[in-house]
């Protein structure tokens, strides 16, 4: 069951998506679901995916948390001292926003609605 504030998804940068998929498939037996030419999702314990269409912005893993009420969670993040770096936007599967914590780590929060 999805819960507020729990790690729900992880995205990793992939400069060369075919090579990245090949590596993880060969090394660990991972399988992928392609969502267009620049995104491949994996479900290997903790769900996640590789994003090759980041325009060079994603340089490290992106931890994605879940929220039933995205607007309320965005308000909580702001109130706690987080900086919204990408306001709520739609993506295939739902909506999400990105924020930086006080140490500068970028995370995201998503919701199906």
PDB file of N, CA and C in Angstrom:
ATOM      1  N   UNK A   1       0.836  -1.188   0.000  1.00  0.00           N
ATOM      2  CA  UNK A   1       0.000   0.000   0.000  1.00  0.00           C
ATOM      3  C   UNK A   1       0.877   1.245   0.000  1.00  0.00           C
ATOM      4  N   UNK A   2       0.531   2.194  -0.812  1.00  0.00           N
ATOM      5  CA  UNK A   2       1.287   3.435  -0.890  1.00  0.00           C
ATOM      6  C   UNK A   2       0.989   4.283   0.344  1.00  0.00           C
ATOM      7  N   UNK A   3       2.038   4.916   0.883  1.00  0.00           N
ATOM      8  CA  UNK A   3       1.880   5.727   2.075  1.00  0.00           C
ATOM      9  C   UNK A   3       2.584   7.062   1.897  1.00  0.00           C
ATOM     10  N   UNK A   4       2.013   8.097   2.500  1.00  0.00           N
ATOM     11  CA  UNK A   4       2.631   9.414   2.467  1.00  0.00           C
ATOM     12  C   UNK A   4       4.042   9.349   3.028  1.00  0.00           C
ATOM     13  N   UNK A   5       4.962  10.004   2.366  1.00  0.00           N
ATOM     14  CA  UNK A   5       6.317  10.142   2.880  1.00  0.00           C
ATOM     15  C   UNK A   5       7.217   8.938   2.728  1.00  0.00           C
ATOM     16  N   UNK A   6       6.759   7.863   2.114  1.00  0.00           N
ATOM     17  CA  UNK A   6       7.585   6.666   1.932  1.00  0.00           C
ATOM     18  C   UNK A   6       8.205   6.682   0.542  1.00  0.00           C
ATOM     19  N   UNK A   7       9.442   6.205   0.436  1.00  0.00           N
ATOM     20  CA  UNK A   7      10.094   6.120  -0.869  1.00  0.00           C
ATOM     21  C   UNK A   7       9.271   5.183  -1.738  1.00  0.00           C
ATOM     22  N   UNK A   8       8.929   5.666  -2.932  1.00  0.00           N
ATOM     23  CA  UNK A   8       8.031   4.918  -3.798  1.00  0.00           C
ATOM     24  C   UNK A   8       8.638   4.619  -5.157  1.00  0.00           C
ATOM     25  N   UNK A   9       9.620   5.402  -5.581  1.00  0.00           N
ATOM     26  CA  UNK A   9      10.143   5.267  -6.943  1.00  0.00           C
ATOM     27  C   UNK A   9      11.509   5.932  -6.981  1.00  0.00           C
ATOM     28  N   UNK A  10      12.400   5.430  -7.788  1.00  0.00           N
ATOM     29  CA  UNK A  10      13.730   6.029  -7.951  1.00  0.00           C
ATOM     30  C   UNK A  10      14.018   6.141  -9.445  1.00  0.00           C
ATOM     31  N   UNK A  11      14.425   7.326  -9.900  1.00  0.00           N
ATOM     32  CA  UNK A  11      14.844   7.520 -11.283  1.00  0.00           C
ATOM     33  C   UNK A  11      16.352   7.744 -11.312  1.00  0.00           C
ATOM     34  N   UNK A  12      16.998   7.146 -12.297  1.00  0.00           N
ATOM     35  CA  UNK A  12      18.437   7.288 -12.461  1.00  0.00           C
ATOM     36  C   UNK A  12      18.728   7.875 -13.832  1.00  0.00           C
ATOM     37  N   UNK A  13      19.752   8.717 -13.951  1.00  0.00           N
ATOM     38  CA  UNK A  13      20.094   9.258 -15.261  1.00  0.00           C
ATOM     39  C   UNK A  13      20.647   8.159 -16.164  1.00  0.00           C
ATOM     40  N   UNK A  14      20.389   8.292 -17.450  1.00  0.00           N
ATOM     41  CA  UNK A  14      20.882   7.309 -18.415  1.00  0.00           C
ATOM     42  C   UNK A  14      21.256   8.044 -19.696  1.00  0.00           C
ATOM     43  N   UNK A  15      22.514   8.389 -19.845  1.00  0.00           N
ATOM     44  CA  UNK A  15      22.967   9.075 -21.053  1.00  0.00           C
ATOM     45  C   UNK A  15      22.814   8.218 -22.296  1.00  0.00           C
ATOM     46  N   UNK A  16      23.044   6.941 -22.160  1.00  0.00           N
ATOM     47  CA  UNK A  16      22.903   5.992 -23.267  1.00  0.00           C
ATOM     48  C   UNK A  16      21.929   4.917 -22.800  1.00  0.00           C
ATOM     49  N   UNK A  17      20.652   5.140 -23.053  1.00  0.00           N
ATOM     50  CA  UNK A  17      19.622   4.249 -22.539  1.00  0.00           C
ATOM     51  C   UNK A  17      19.772   2.802 -23.007  1.00  0.00           C
ATOM     52  N   UNK A  18      20.009   2.539 -24.296  1.00  0.00           N
ATOM     53  CA  UNK A  18      20.163   1.137 -24.704  1.00  0.00           C
ATOM     54  C   UNK A  18      21.324   0.435 -23.980  1.00  0.00           C
ATOM     55  N   UNK A  19      22.453   1.119 -23.833  1.00  0.00           N
ATOM     56  CA  UNK A  19      23.590   0.511 -23.142  1.00  0.00           C
ATOM     57  C   UNK A  19      23.288   0.304 -21.662  1.00  0.00           C
ATOM     58  N   UNK A  20      22.582   1.241 -21.061  1.00  0.00           N
ATOM     59  CA  UNK A  20      22.235   1.121 -19.644  1.00  0.00           C
ATOM     60  C   UNK A  20      21.307  -0.064 -19.429  1.00  0.00           C
ATOM     61  N   UNK A  21      20.289  -0.188 -20.274  1.00  0.00           N
ATOM     62  CA  UNK A  21      19.371  -1.315 -20.157  1.00  0.00           C
ATOM     63  C   UNK A  21      20.106  -2.635 -20.371  1.00  0.00           C
ATOM     64  N   UNK A  22      20.971  -2.669 -21.360  1.00  0.00           N
ATOM     65  CA  UNK A  22      21.727  -3.881 -21.647  1.00  0.00           C
ATOM     66  C   UNK A  22      22.584  -4.291 -20.459  1.00  0.00           C
ATOM     67  N   UNK A  23      23.238  -3.305 -19.838  1.00  0.00           N
ATOM     68  CA  UNK A  23      24.084  -3.591 -18.681  1.00  0.00           C
ATOM     69  C   UNK A  23      23.274  -4.214 -17.551  1.00  0.00           C
ATOM     70  N   UNK A  24      22.170  -3.572 -17.154  1.00  0.00           N
ATOM     71  CA  UNK A  24      21.387  -4.077 -16.022  1.00  0.00           C
ATOM     72  C   UNK A  24      20.693  -5.393 -16.338  1.00  0.00           C
ATOM     73  N   UNK A  25      20.300  -5.572 -17.601  1.00  0.00           N
ATOM     74  CA  UNK A  25      19.706  -6.848 -17.997  1.00  0.00           C
ATOM     75  C   UNK A  25      20.746  -7.960 -17.932  1.00  0.00           C
ATOM     76  N   UNK A  26      21.943  -7.670 -18.422  1.00  0.00           N
ATOM     77  CA  UNK A  26      23.010  -8.675 -18.417  1.00  0.00           C
ATOM     78  C   UNK A  26      23.544  -8.950 -17.025  1.00  0.00           C
ATOM     79  N   UNK A  27      23.796  -7.898 -16.274  1.00  0.00           N
ATOM     80  CA  UNK A  27      24.416  -8.060 -14.953  1.00  0.00           C
ATOM     81  C   UNK A  27      23.458  -8.617 -13.912  1.00  0.00           C
ATOM     82  N   UNK A  28      22.203  -8.184 -13.944  1.00  0.00           N
ATOM     83  CA  UNK A  28      21.284  -8.522 -12.858  1.00  0.00           C
ATOM     84  C   UNK A  28      19.985  -9.173 -13.306  1.00  0.00           C
ATOM     85  N   UNK A  29      19.793  -9.335 -14.618  1.00  0.00           N
ATOM     86  CA  UNK A  29      18.579  -9.970 -15.107  1.00  0.00           C
ATOM     87  C   UNK A  29      17.350  -9.078 -15.058  1.00  0.00           C
ATOM     88  N   UNK A  30      17.553  -7.753 -14.986  1.00  0.00           N
ATOM     89  CA  UNK A  30      16.423  -6.839 -14.932  1.00  0.00           C
ATOM     90  C   UNK A  30      15.674  -6.832 -16.256  1.00  0.00           C
ATOM     91  N   UNK A  31      14.379  -6.581 -16.192  1.00  0.00           N
ATOM     92  CA  UNK A  31      13.552  -6.391 -17.379  1.00  0.00           C
ATOM     93  C   UNK A  31      12.981  -4.972 -17.334  1.00  0.00           C
ATOM     94  N   UNK A  32      12.554  -4.489 -18.485  1.00  0.00           N
ATOM     95  CA  UNK A  32      12.133  -3.095 -18.593  1.00  0.00           C
ATOM     96  C   UNK A  32      10.816  -2.961 -19.345  1.00  0.00           C
ATOM     97  N   UNK A  33      10.108  -1.893 -19.064  1.00  0.00           N
ATOM     98  CA  UNK A  33       8.940  -1.467 -19.817  1.00  0.00           C
ATOM     99  C   UNK A  33       9.290  -0.117 -20.417  1.00  0.00           C
ATOM    100  N   UNK A  34       9.310  -0.032 -21.737  1.00  0.00           N
ATOM    101  CA  UNK A  34       9.668   1.214 -22.410  1.00  0.00           C
ATOM    102  C   UNK A  34       8.464   2.138 -22.505  1.00  0.00           C
ATOM    103  N   UNK A  35       8.693   3.410 -22.182  1.00  0.00           N
ATOM    104  CA  UNK A  35       7.693   4.467 -22.317  1.00  0.00           C
ATOM    105  C   UNK A  35       8.268   5.499 -23.278  1.00  0.00           C
ATOM    106  N   UNK A  36       8.334   5.149 -24.524  1.00  0.00           N
ATOM    107  CA  UNK A  36       8.925   6.015 -25.530  1.00  0.00           C
ATOM    108  C   UNK A  36      10.409   5.747 -25.654  1.00  0.00           C
ATOM    109  N   UNK A  37      11.088   6.515 -26.520  1.00  0.00           N
ATOM    110  CA  UNK A  37      12.498   6.250 -26.808  1.00  0.00           C
ATOM    111  C   UNK A  37      13.465   6.680 -25.709  1.00  0.00           C
ATOM    112  N   UNK A  38      12.986   7.459 -24.731  1.00  0.00           N
ATOM    113  CA  UNK A  38      13.932   7.998 -23.755  1.00  0.00           C
ATOM    114  C   UNK A  38      13.623   7.615 -22.310  1.00  0.00           C
ATOM    115  N   UNK A  39      12.711   6.651 -22.092  1.00  0.00           N
ATOM    116  CA  UNK A  39      12.396   6.258 -20.723  1.00  0.00           C
ATOM    117  C   UNK A  39      12.106   4.775 -20.668  1.00  0.00           C
ATOM    118  N   UNK A  40      12.728   4.101 -19.729  1.00  0.00           N
ATOM    119  CA  UNK A  40      12.479   2.679 -19.498  1.00  0.00           C
ATOM    120  C   UNK A  40      12.293   2.463 -18.002  1.00  0.00           C
ATOM    121  N   UNK A  41      11.180   1.871 -17.627  1.00  0.00           N
ATOM    122  CA  UNK A  41      10.896   1.593 -16.222  1.00  0.00           C
ATOM    123  C   UNK A  41      11.344   0.181 -15.878  1.00  0.00           C
ATOM    124  N   UNK A  42      11.741   0.008 -14.613  1.00  0.00           N
ATOM    125  CA  UNK A  42      12.064  -1.322 -14.126  1.00  0.00           C
ATOM    126  C   UNK A  42      11.266  -1.572 -12.857  1.00  0.00           C
ATOM    127  N   UNK A  43      11.065  -2.814 -12.532  1.00  0.00           N
ATOM    128  CA  UNK A  43      10.362  -3.189 -11.308  1.00  0.00           C
ATOM    129  C   UNK A  43      11.157  -4.314 -10.673  1.00  0.00           C
ATOM    130  N   UNK A  44      12.156  -3.934  -9.955  1.00  0.00           N
ATOM    131  CA  UNK A  44      13.103  -4.905  -9.400  1.00  0.00           C
ATOM    132  C   UNK A  44      13.209  -4.707  -7.888  1.00  0.00           C
ATOM    133  N   UNK A  45      12.161  -5.025  -7.174  1.00  0.00           N
ATOM    134  CA  UNK A  45      12.114  -4.754  -5.740  1.00  0.00           C
ATOM    135  C   UNK A  45      11.452  -3.415  -5.541  1.00  0.00           C
ATOM    136  N   UNK A  46      12.231  -2.376  -5.467  1.00  0.00           N
ATOM    137  CA  UNK A  46      11.712  -1.011  -5.460  1.00  0.00           C
ATOM    138  C   UNK A  46      11.547  -0.598  -6.902  1.00  0.00           C
ATOM    139  N   UNK A  47      10.361  -0.120  -7.277  1.00  0.00           N
ATOM    140  CA  UNK A  47      10.151   0.308  -8.656  1.00  0.00           C
ATOM    141  C   UNK A  47      11.039   1.492  -8.983  1.00  0.00           C
ATOM    142  N   UNK A  48      11.367   1.631 -10.252  1.00  0.00           N
ATOM    143  CA  UNK A  48      12.189   2.750 -10.691  1.00  0.00           C
ATOM    144  C   UNK A  48      12.325   2.751 -12.189  1.00  0.00           C
ATOM    145  N   UNK A  49      13.130   3.662 -12.700  1.00  0.00           N
ATOM    146  CA  UNK A  49      13.327   3.761 -14.139  1.00  0.00           C
ATOM    147  C   UNK A  49      14.574   4.536 -14.468  1.00  0.00           C
ATOM    148  N   UNK A  50      14.979   4.468 -15.722  1.00  0.00           N
ATOM    149  CA  UNK A  50      16.116   5.226 -16.239  1.00  0.00           C
ATOM    150  C   UNK A  50      15.580   6.289 -17.178  1.00  0.00           C
ATOM    151  N   UNK A  51      16.008   7.535 -17.006  1.00  0.00           N
ATOM    152  CA  UNK A  51      15.519   8.648 -17.809  1.00  0.00           C
ATOM    153  C   UNK A  51      16.642   9.216 -18.656  1.00  0.00           C
ATOM    154  N   UNK A  52      16.555   9.055 -19.978  1.00  0.00           N
ATOM    155  CA  UNK A  52      17.574   9.574 -20.886  1.00  0.00           C
ATOM    156  C   UNK A  52      17.160  10.903 -21.496  1.00  0.00           C
ATOM    157  N   UNK A  53      16.003  11.424 -21.110  1.00  0.00           N
ATOM    158  CA  UNK A  53      15.489  12.660 -21.688  1.00  0.00           C
ATOM    159  C   UNK A  53      15.419  13.760 -20.634  1.00  0.00           C
ATOM    160  N   UNK A  54      16.532  13.998 -19.959  1.00  0.00           N
ATOM    161  CA  UNK A  54      16.551  14.982 -18.877  1.00  0.00           C
ATOM    162  C   UNK A  54      17.192  16.285 -19.290  1.00  0.00           C
ATOM    163  N   UNK A  55      17.668  16.382 -20.512  1.00  0.00           N
ATOM    164  CA  UNK A  55      18.331  17.600 -20.946  1.00  0.00           C
ATOM    165  C   UNK A  55      19.571  17.891 -20.129  1.00  0.00           C
ATOM    166  N   UNK A  56      20.179  16.843 -19.598  1.00  0.00           N
ATOM    167  CA  UNK A  56      21.388  17.021 -18.801  1.00  0.00           C
ATOM    168  C   UNK A  56      21.126  17.472 -17.384  1.00  0.00           C
ATOM    169  N   UNK A  57      19.852  17.581 -16.975  1.00  0.00           N
ATOM    170  CA  UNK A  57      19.535  18.078 -15.641  1.00  0.00           C
ATOM    171  C   UNK A  57      19.707  17.023 -14.563  1.00  0.00           C
ATOM    172  N   UNK A  58      19.314  15.787 -14.840  1.00  0.00           N
ATOM    173  CA  UNK A  58      19.392  14.741 -13.831  1.00  0.00           C
ATOM    174  C   UNK A  58      20.789  14.148 -13.842  1.00  0.00           C
ATOM    175  N   UNK A  59      21.562  14.398 -12.789  1.00  0.00           N
ATOM    176  CA  UNK A  59      22.945  13.937 -12.698  1.00  0.00           C
ATOM    177  C   UNK A  59      23.127  12.836 -11.655  1.00  0.00           C
ATOM    178  N   UNK A  60      22.087  12.562 -10.901  1.00  0.00           N
ATOM    179  CA  UNK A  60      22.162  11.563  -9.836  1.00  0.00           C
ATOM    180  C   UNK A  60      20.787  10.912  -9.699  1.00  0.00           C
ATOM    181  N   UNK A  61      20.699   9.937  -8.827  1.00  0.00           N
ATOM    182  CA  UNK A  61      19.419   9.281  -8.589  1.00  0.00           C
ATOM    183  C   UNK A  61      18.397  10.291  -8.082  1.00  0.00           C
ATOM    184  N   UNK A  62      17.166  10.140  -8.515  1.00  0.00           N
ATOM    185  CA  UNK A  62      16.062  10.967  -8.038  1.00  0.00           C
ATOM    186  C   UNK A  62      15.148  10.090  -7.209  1.00  0.00           C
ATOM    187  N   UNK A  63      15.099  10.342  -5.917  1.00  0.00           N
ATOM    188  CA  UNK A  63      14.197   9.621  -5.023  1.00  0.00           C
ATOM    189  C   UNK A  63      12.826  10.270  -5.139  1.00  0.00           C
ATOM    190  N   UNK A  64      11.813   9.440  -5.366  1.00  0.00           N
ATOM    191  CA  UNK A  64      10.459   9.937  -5.559  1.00  0.00           C
ATOM    192  C   UNK A  64       9.567   9.384  -4.450  1.00  0.00           C
ATOM    193  N   UNK A  65       8.967  10.286  -3.686  1.00  0.00           N
ATOM    194  CA  UNK A  65       8.056   9.930  -2.611  1.00  0.00           C
ATOM    195  C   UNK A  65       6.622   9.966  -3.118  1.00  0.00           C
ATOM    196  N   UNK A  66       5.707   9.379  -2.382  1.00  0.00           N
ATOM    197  CA  UNK A  66       4.302   9.344  -2.774  1.00  0.00           C
ATOM    198  C   UNK A  66       3.470  10.217  -1.845  1.00  0.00           C
ATOM    199  N   UNK A  67       2.391  10.807  -2.369  1.00  0.00           N
ATOM    200  CA  UNK A  67       1.434  11.555  -1.556  1.00  0.00           C
ATOM    201  C   UNK A  67       0.034  11.338  -2.106  1.00  0.00           C
ATOM    202  N   UNK A  68      -0.921  11.104  -1.221  1.00  0.00           N
ATOM    203  CA  UNK A  68      -2.318  11.006  -1.647  1.00  0.00           C
ATOM    204  C   UNK A  68      -2.833  12.378  -2.076  1.00  0.00           C
ATOM    205  N   UNK A  69      -2.412  13.438  -1.388  1.00  0.00           N
ATOM    206  CA  UNK A  69      -2.831  14.812  -1.691  1.00  0.00           C
ATOM    207  C   UNK A  69      -1.586  15.615  -2.031  1.00  0.00           C
ATOM    208  N   UNK A  70      -1.339  15.779  -3.324  1.00  0.00           N
ATOM    209  CA  UNK A  70      -0.093  16.399  -3.792  1.00  0.00           C
ATOM    210  C   UNK A  70       0.024  17.855  -3.350  1.00  0.00           C
ATOM    211  N   UNK A  71      -1.063  18.606  -3.445  1.00  0.00           N
ATOM    212  CA  UNK A  71      -1.014  20.016  -3.045  1.00  0.00           C
ATOM    213  C   UNK A  71      -0.719  20.162  -1.557  1.00  0.00           C
ATOM    214  N   UNK A  72      -1.330  19.322  -0.737  1.00  0.00           N
ATOM    215  CA  UNK A  72      -1.078  19.380   0.705  1.00  0.00           C
ATOM    216  C   UNK A  72       0.375  19.028   1.013  1.00  0.00           C
ATOM    217  N   UNK A  73       0.905  18.055   0.305  1.00  0.00           N
ATOM    218  CA  UNK A  73       2.295  17.666   0.541  1.00  0.00           C
ATOM    219  C   UNK A  73       3.250  18.763   0.083  1.00  0.00           C
ATOM    220  N   UNK A  74       2.943  19.424  -1.036  1.00  0.00           N
ATOM    221  CA  UNK A  74       3.777  20.529  -1.484  1.00  0.00           C
ATOM    222  C   UNK A  74       3.794  21.631  -0.417  1.00  0.00           C
ATOM    223  N   UNK A  75       2.645  21.901   0.178  1.00  0.00           N
ATOM    224  CA  UNK A  75       2.582  22.907   1.248  1.00  0.00           C
ATOM    225  C   UNK A  75       3.413  22.482   2.450  1.00  0.00           C
ATOM    226  N   UNK A  76       3.384  21.221   2.792  1.00  0.00           N
ATOM    227  CA  UNK A  76       4.194  20.706   3.910  1.00  0.00           C
ATOM    228  C   UNK A  76       5.682  20.847   3.616  1.00  0.00           C
ATOM    229  N   UNK A  77       6.063  20.549   2.379  1.00  0.00           N
ATOM    230  CA  UNK A  77       7.471  20.664   1.988  1.00  0.00           C
ATOM    231  C   UNK A  77       7.931  22.107   2.117  1.00  0.00           C
ATOM    232  N   UNK A  78       7.129  23.031   1.613  1.00  0.00           N
ATOM    233  CA  UNK A  78       7.461  24.453   1.731  1.00  0.00           C
ATOM    234  C   UNK A  78       7.562  24.871   3.199  1.00  0.00           C
ATOM    235  N   UNK A  79       6.574  24.468   3.985  1.00  0.00           N
ATOM    236  CA  UNK A  79       6.533  24.850   5.395  1.00  0.00           C
ATOM    237  C   UNK A  79       7.725  24.306   6.180  1.00  0.00           C
ATOM    238  N   UNK A  80       8.218  23.163   5.751  1.00  0.00           N
ATOM    239  CA  UNK A  80       9.355  22.541   6.443  1.00  0.00           C
ATOM    240  C   UNK A  80      10.693  23.130   6.009  1.00  0.00           C
ATOM    241  N   UNK A  81      10.673  24.024   5.022  1.00  0.00           N
ATOM    242  CA  UNK A  81      11.911  24.646   4.576  1.00  0.00           C
ATOM    243  C   UNK A  81      12.439  24.141   3.260  1.00  0.00           C
ATOM    244  N   UNK A  82      11.666  23.302   2.576  1.00  0.00           N
ATOM    245  CA  UNK A  82      12.078  22.830   1.263  1.00  0.00           C
ATOM    246  C   UNK A  82      11.860  23.909   0.214  1.00  0.00           C
ATOM    247  N   UNK A  83      12.626  23.840  -0.864  1.00  0.00           N
ATOM    248  CA  UNK A  83      12.499  24.782  -1.976  1.00  0.00           C
ATOM    249  C   UNK A  83      11.930  24.043  -3.170  1.00  0.00           C
ATOM    250  N   UNK A  84      10.803  24.501  -3.680  1.00  0.00           N
ATOM    251  CA  UNK A  84      10.196  23.872  -4.853  1.00  0.00           C
ATOM    252  C   UNK A  84      11.019  24.284  -6.075  1.00  0.00           C
ATOM    253  N   UNK A  85      11.596  23.301  -6.764  1.00  0.00           N
ATOM    254  CA  UNK A  85      12.403  23.598  -7.949  1.00  0.00           C
ATOM    255  C   UNK A  85      11.656  23.278  -9.242  1.00  0.00           C
ATOM    256  N   UNK A  86      10.586  22.526  -9.134  1.00  0.00           N
ATOM    257  CA  UNK A  86       9.735  22.234 -10.289  1.00  0.00           C
ATOM    258  C   UNK A  86       8.314  22.074  -9.768  1.00  0.00           C
ATOM    259  N   UNK A  87       7.458  23.080  -9.969  1.00  0.00           N
ATOM    260  CA  UNK A  87       6.094  23.018  -9.452  1.00  0.00           C
ATOM    261  C   UNK A  87       5.337  21.817 -10.023  1.00  0.00           C
ATOM    262  N   UNK A  88       4.198  21.540  -9.450  1.00  0.00           N
ATOM    263  CA  UNK A  88       3.376  20.396  -9.857  1.00  0.00           C
ATOM    264  C   UNK A  88       3.168  20.396 -11.374  1.00  0.00           C
ATOM    265  N   UNK A  89       3.431  19.233 -11.973  1.00  0.00           N
ATOM    266  CA  UNK A  89       3.251  19.058 -13.412  1.00  0.00           C
ATOM    267  C   UNK A  89       2.733  17.653 -13.679  1.00  0.00           C
ATOM    268  N   UNK A  90       2.115  17.484 -14.834  1.00  0.00           N
ATOM    269  CA  UNK A  90       1.602  16.173 -15.241  1.00  0.00           C
ATOM    270  C   UNK A  90       2.700  15.381 -15.926  1.00  0.00           C
ATOM    271  N   UNK A  91       2.666  14.067 -15.767  1.00  0.00           N
ATOM    272  CA  UNK A  91       3.540  13.146 -16.476  1.00  0.00           C
ATOM    273  C   UNK A  91       2.747  11.860 -16.673  1.00  0.00           C
ATOM    274  N   UNK A  92       3.181  10.971 -17.558  1.00  0.00           N
ATOM    275  CA  UNK A  92       2.433   9.728 -17.751  1.00  0.00           C
ATOM    276  C   UNK A  92       2.335   8.963 -16.429  1.00  0.00           C
ATOM    277  N   UNK A  93       1.142   8.798 -15.931  1.00  0.00           N
ATOM    278  CA  UNK A  93       0.934   8.083 -14.678  1.00  0.00           C
ATOM    279  C   UNK A  93       0.446   8.953 -13.543  1.00  0.00           C
ATOM    280  N   UNK A  94       0.487  10.271 -13.702  1.00  0.00           N
ATOM    281  CA  UNK A  94       0.014  11.126 -12.622  1.00  0.00           C
ATOM    282  C   UNK A  94       0.572  12.526 -12.677  1.00  0.00           C
ATOM    283  N   UNK A  95       0.842  13.079 -11.497  1.00  0.00           N
ATOM    284  CA  UNK A  95       1.408  14.421 -11.367  1.00  0.00           C
ATOM    285  C   UNK A  95       2.502  14.360 -10.310  1.00  0.00           C
ATOM    286  N   UNK A  96       3.438  15.312 -10.375  1.00  0.00           N
ATOM    287  CA  UNK A  96       4.485  15.368  -9.362  1.00  0.00           C
ATOM    288  C   UNK A  96       5.098  16.758  -9.293  1.00  0.00           C
ATOM    289  N   UNK A  97       5.890  16.971  -8.259  1.00  0.00           N
ATOM    290  CA  UNK A  97       6.704  18.175  -8.137  1.00  0.00           C
ATOM    291  C   UNK A  97       8.068  17.771  -7.614  1.00  0.00           C
ATOM    292  N   UNK A  98       9.063  18.640  -7.849  1.00  0.00           N
ATOM    293  CA  UNK A  98      10.426  18.403  -7.374  1.00  0.00           C
ATOM    294  C   UNK A  98      10.778  19.477  -6.351  1.00  0.00           C
ATOM    295  N   UNK A  99      11.595  19.103  -5.381  1.00  0.00           N
ATOM    296  CA  UNK A  99      12.032  20.054  -4.371  1.00  0.00           C
ATOM    297  C   UNK A  99      13.466  19.756  -3.951  1.00  0.00           C
ATOM    298  N   UNK A 100      14.089  20.748  -3.328  1.00  0.00           N
ATOM    299  CA  UNK A 100      15.409  20.565  -2.710  1.00  0.00           C
ATOM    300  C   UNK A 100      15.244  20.656  -1.213  1.00  0.00           C
ATOM    301  N   UNK A 101      15.915  19.749  -0.528  1.00  0.00           N
ATOM    302  CA  UNK A 101      15.912  19.810   0.930  1.00  0.00           C
ATOM    303  C   UNK A 101      16.947  20.841   1.386  1.00  0.00           C
ATOM    304  N   UNK A 102      17.037  21.134   2.662  1.00  0.00           N
ATOM    305  CA  UNK A 102      17.990  22.149   3.115  1.00  0.00           C
ATOM    306  C   UNK A 102      19.450  21.835   2.790  1.00  0.00           C
ATOM    307  N   UNK A 103      19.770  20.571   2.532  1.00  0.00           N
ATOM    308  CA  UNK A 103      21.141  20.204   2.167  1.00  0.00           C
ATOM    309  C   UNK A 103      21.377  20.273   0.664  1.00  0.00           C
ATOM    310  N   UNK A 104      20.331  20.600  -0.103  1.00  0.00           N
ATOM    311  CA  UNK A 104      20.477  20.716  -1.546  1.00  0.00           C
ATOM    312  C   UNK A 104      20.133  19.462  -2.322  1.00  0.00           C
ATOM    313  N   UNK A 105      19.712  18.390  -1.648  1.00  0.00           N
ATOM    314  CA  UNK A 105      19.317  17.166  -2.342  1.00  0.00           C
ATOM    315  C   UNK A 105      17.986  17.375  -3.045  1.00  0.00           C
ATOM    316  N   UNK A 106      17.904  16.978  -4.318  1.00  0.00           N
ATOM    317  CA  UNK A 106      16.645  17.082  -5.048  1.00  0.00           C
ATOM    318  C   UNK A 106      15.878  15.769  -4.953  1.00  0.00           C
ATOM    319  N   UNK A 107      14.625  15.874  -4.559  1.00  0.00           N
ATOM    320  CA  UNK A 107      13.702  14.756  -4.507  1.00  0.00           C
ATOM    321  C   UNK A 107      12.428  15.168  -5.217  1.00  0.00           C
ATOM    322  N   UNK A 108      11.522  14.224  -5.401  1.00  0.00           N
ATOM    323  CA  UNK A 108      10.238  14.517  -6.017  1.00  0.00           C
ATOM    324  C   UNK A 108       9.140  13.833  -5.206  1.00  0.00           C
ATOM    325  N   UNK A 109       7.934  14.323  -5.383  1.00  0.00           N
ATOM    326  CA  UNK A 109       6.746  13.712  -4.786  1.00  0.00           C
ATOM    327  C   UNK A 109       5.728  13.560  -5.892  1.00  0.00           C
ATOM    328  N   UNK A 110       5.062  12.399  -5.956  1.00  0.00           N
ATOM    329  CA  UNK A 110       4.097  12.155  -7.003  1.00  0.00           C
ATOM    330  C   UNK A 110       2.776  11.662  -6.437  1.00  0.00           C
ATOM    331  N   UNK A 111       1.736  11.774  -7.255  1.00  0.00           N
ATOM    332  CA  UNK A 111       0.413  11.254  -6.938  1.00  0.00           C
ATOM    333  C   UNK A 111      -0.233  10.782  -8.233  1.00  0.00           C
ATOM    334  N   UNK A 112      -1.105   9.807  -8.112  1.00  0.00           N
ATOM    335  CA  UNK A 112      -1.819   9.314  -9.299  1.00  0.00           C
ATOM    336  C   UNK A 112      -2.864  10.312  -9.774  1.00  0.00           C
ATOM    337  N   UNK A 113      -3.338  11.187  -8.875  1.00  0.00           N
ATOM    338  CA  UNK A 113      -4.396  12.148  -9.234  1.00  0.00           C
ATOM    339  C   UNK A 113      -3.886  13.567  -9.250  1.00  0.00           C
TER     340      UNK A 113
END
